[in-house]
């Protein structure tokens, strides 16, 4: 599975999403029984967009890490 974050790399929201993804990567991989790749595509916007396998699943910063996990798992 590939997760891409579209947003300004130095944005607080993008940095927070990357931290959360690092924290929950093992949980997601365990649930999908596969590998997760994630990357940042630097665009001129402070509000991030989360893409899962090329499909937009969320815009902004989810409430917490648990919500991020649910967003990802429900969209694969």
C-alpha atoms as a PDB file:
ATOM      1  CA  UNK A   1       0.000   0.000   0.000  1.00  0.00           C
ATOM      2  CA  UNK A   2       1.195   3.490  -0.801  1.00  0.00           C
ATOM      3  CA  UNK A   3       0.263   6.577   1.192  1.00  0.00           C
ATOM      4  CA  UNK A   4       1.127  10.018  -0.156  1.00  0.00           C
ATOM      5  CA  UNK A   5       0.771  13.249   1.766  1.00  0.00           C
ATOM      6  CA  UNK A   6       0.300  16.306  -0.435  1.00  0.00           C
ATOM      7  CA  UNK A   7       1.294  19.481   1.364  1.00  0.00           C
ATOM      8  CA  UNK A   8       4.051  21.883   2.297  1.00  0.00           C
ATOM      9  CA  UNK A   9       6.858  19.843   3.866  1.00  0.00           C
ATOM     10  CA  UNK A  10       7.528  22.363   6.630  1.00  0.00           C
ATOM     11  CA  UNK A  11       3.833  22.680   7.542  1.00  0.00           C
ATOM     12  CA  UNK A  12       2.916  21.733  11.103  1.00  0.00           C
ATOM     13  CA  UNK A  13       0.087  19.547   9.775  1.00  0.00           C
ATOM     14  CA  UNK A  14       2.307  17.618   7.357  1.00  0.00           C
ATOM     15  CA  UNK A  15       4.997  17.113  10.001  1.00  0.00           C
ATOM     16  CA  UNK A  16       2.363  15.846  12.435  1.00  0.00           C
ATOM     17  CA  UNK A  17       0.934  13.414   9.861  1.00  0.00           C
ATOM     18  CA  UNK A  18       4.397  12.002   9.142  1.00  0.00           C
ATOM     19  CA  UNK A  19       5.052  11.534  12.870  1.00  0.00           C
ATOM     20  CA  UNK A  20       1.711   9.756  13.268  1.00  0.00           C
ATOM     21  CA  UNK A  21       2.351   7.544  10.231  1.00  0.00           C
ATOM     22  CA  UNK A  22       5.696   6.515  11.675  1.00  0.00           C
ATOM     23  CA  UNK A  23       3.956   5.632  14.946  1.00  0.00           C
ATOM     24  CA  UNK A  24       1.124   3.593  13.397  1.00  0.00           C
ATOM     25  CA  UNK A  25       2.860   2.013  10.396  1.00  0.00           C
ATOM     26  CA  UNK A  26       3.274  -1.350  12.165  1.00  0.00           C
ATOM     27  CA  UNK A  27      -0.407  -1.436  13.132  1.00  0.00           C
ATOM     28  CA  UNK A  28      -1.511  -0.743   9.563  1.00  0.00           C
ATOM     29  CA  UNK A  29       0.890  -3.328   8.124  1.00  0.00           C
ATOM     30  CA  UNK A  30      -0.378  -5.922  10.587  1.00  0.00           C
ATOM     31  CA  UNK A  31      -3.982  -5.250   9.567  1.00  0.00           C
ATOM     32  CA  UNK A  32      -3.359  -5.364   5.823  1.00  0.00           C
ATOM     33  CA  UNK A  33      -0.777  -8.151   6.059  1.00  0.00           C
ATOM     34  CA  UNK A  34       1.514  -6.188   3.770  1.00  0.00           C
ATOM     35  CA  UNK A  35       3.938  -3.322   3.513  1.00  0.00           C
ATOM     36  CA  UNK A  36       3.157   0.372   3.743  1.00  0.00           C
ATOM     37  CA  UNK A  37       5.135   3.020   1.903  1.00  0.00           C
ATOM     38  CA  UNK A  38       4.539   6.668   2.568  1.00  0.00           C
ATOM     39  CA  UNK A  39       5.942   9.808   1.067  1.00  0.00           C
ATOM     40  CA  UNK A  40       5.413  13.536   0.919  1.00  0.00           C
ATOM     41  CA  UNK A  41       4.735  15.430  -2.266  1.00  0.00           C
ATOM     42  CA  UNK A  42       5.689  19.017  -1.559  1.00  0.00           C
ATOM     43  CA  UNK A  43       2.955  21.321  -2.836  1.00  0.00           C
ATOM     44  CA  UNK A  44       2.188  24.938  -2.004  1.00  0.00           C
ATOM     45  CA  UNK A  45      -0.531  24.278   0.566  1.00  0.00           C
ATOM     46  CA  UNK A  46      -0.386  24.119   4.372  1.00  0.00           C
ATOM     47  CA  UNK A  47      -3.487  21.901   4.591  1.00  0.00           C
ATOM     48  CA  UNK A  48      -2.456  18.348   3.692  1.00  0.00           C
ATOM     49  CA  UNK A  49      -4.308  15.865   1.525  1.00  0.00           C
ATOM     50  CA  UNK A  50      -3.938  12.147   2.251  1.00  0.00           C
ATOM     51  CA  UNK A  51      -3.890   9.787  -0.731  1.00  0.00           C
ATOM     52  CA  UNK A  52      -4.135   6.022  -0.280  1.00  0.00           C
ATOM     53  CA  UNK A  53      -3.164   4.080  -3.392  1.00  0.00           C
ATOM     54  CA  UNK A  54      -3.677   7.229  -5.461  1.00  0.00           C
ATOM     55  CA  UNK A  55      -7.150   8.018  -4.121  1.00  0.00           C
ATOM     56  CA  UNK A  56      -7.925  11.065  -1.970  1.00  0.00           C
ATOM     57  CA  UNK A  57      -9.234   9.902   1.393  1.00  0.00           C
ATOM     58  CA  UNK A  58      -8.936  12.985   3.601  1.00  0.00           C
ATOM     59  CA  UNK A  59      -8.059  16.664   3.574  1.00  0.00           C
ATOM     60  CA  UNK A  60      -6.644  18.248   6.722  1.00  0.00           C
ATOM     61  CA  UNK A  61      -5.363  16.702   9.929  1.00  0.00           C
ATOM     62  CA  UNK A  62      -7.422  13.887  11.469  1.00  0.00           C
ATOM     63  CA  UNK A  63      -8.345  14.251  15.152  1.00  0.00           C
ATOM     64  CA  UNK A  64      -5.758  11.703  16.327  1.00  0.00           C
ATOM     65  CA  UNK A  65      -3.673   8.686  15.353  1.00  0.00           C
ATOM     66  CA  UNK A  66      -6.606   6.305  15.807  1.00  0.00           C
ATOM     67  CA  UNK A  67      -8.713   8.275  13.371  1.00  0.00           C
ATOM     68  CA  UNK A  68      -5.817   8.233  10.895  1.00  0.00           C
ATOM     69  CA  UNK A  69      -5.622   4.436  11.150  1.00  0.00           C
ATOM     70  CA  UNK A  70      -9.373   4.112  10.550  1.00  0.00           C
ATOM     71  CA  UNK A  71      -9.241   6.466   7.560  1.00  0.00           C
ATOM     72  CA  UNK A  72      -6.486   4.443   5.966  1.00  0.00           C
ATOM     73  CA  UNK A  73      -7.856   0.987   6.704  1.00  0.00           C
ATOM     74  CA  UNK A  74     -11.374   1.879   5.578  1.00  0.00           C
ATOM     75  CA  UNK A  75     -10.044   3.134   2.229  1.00  0.00           C
ATOM     76  CA  UNK A  76      -7.930   0.231   1.022  1.00  0.00           C
END
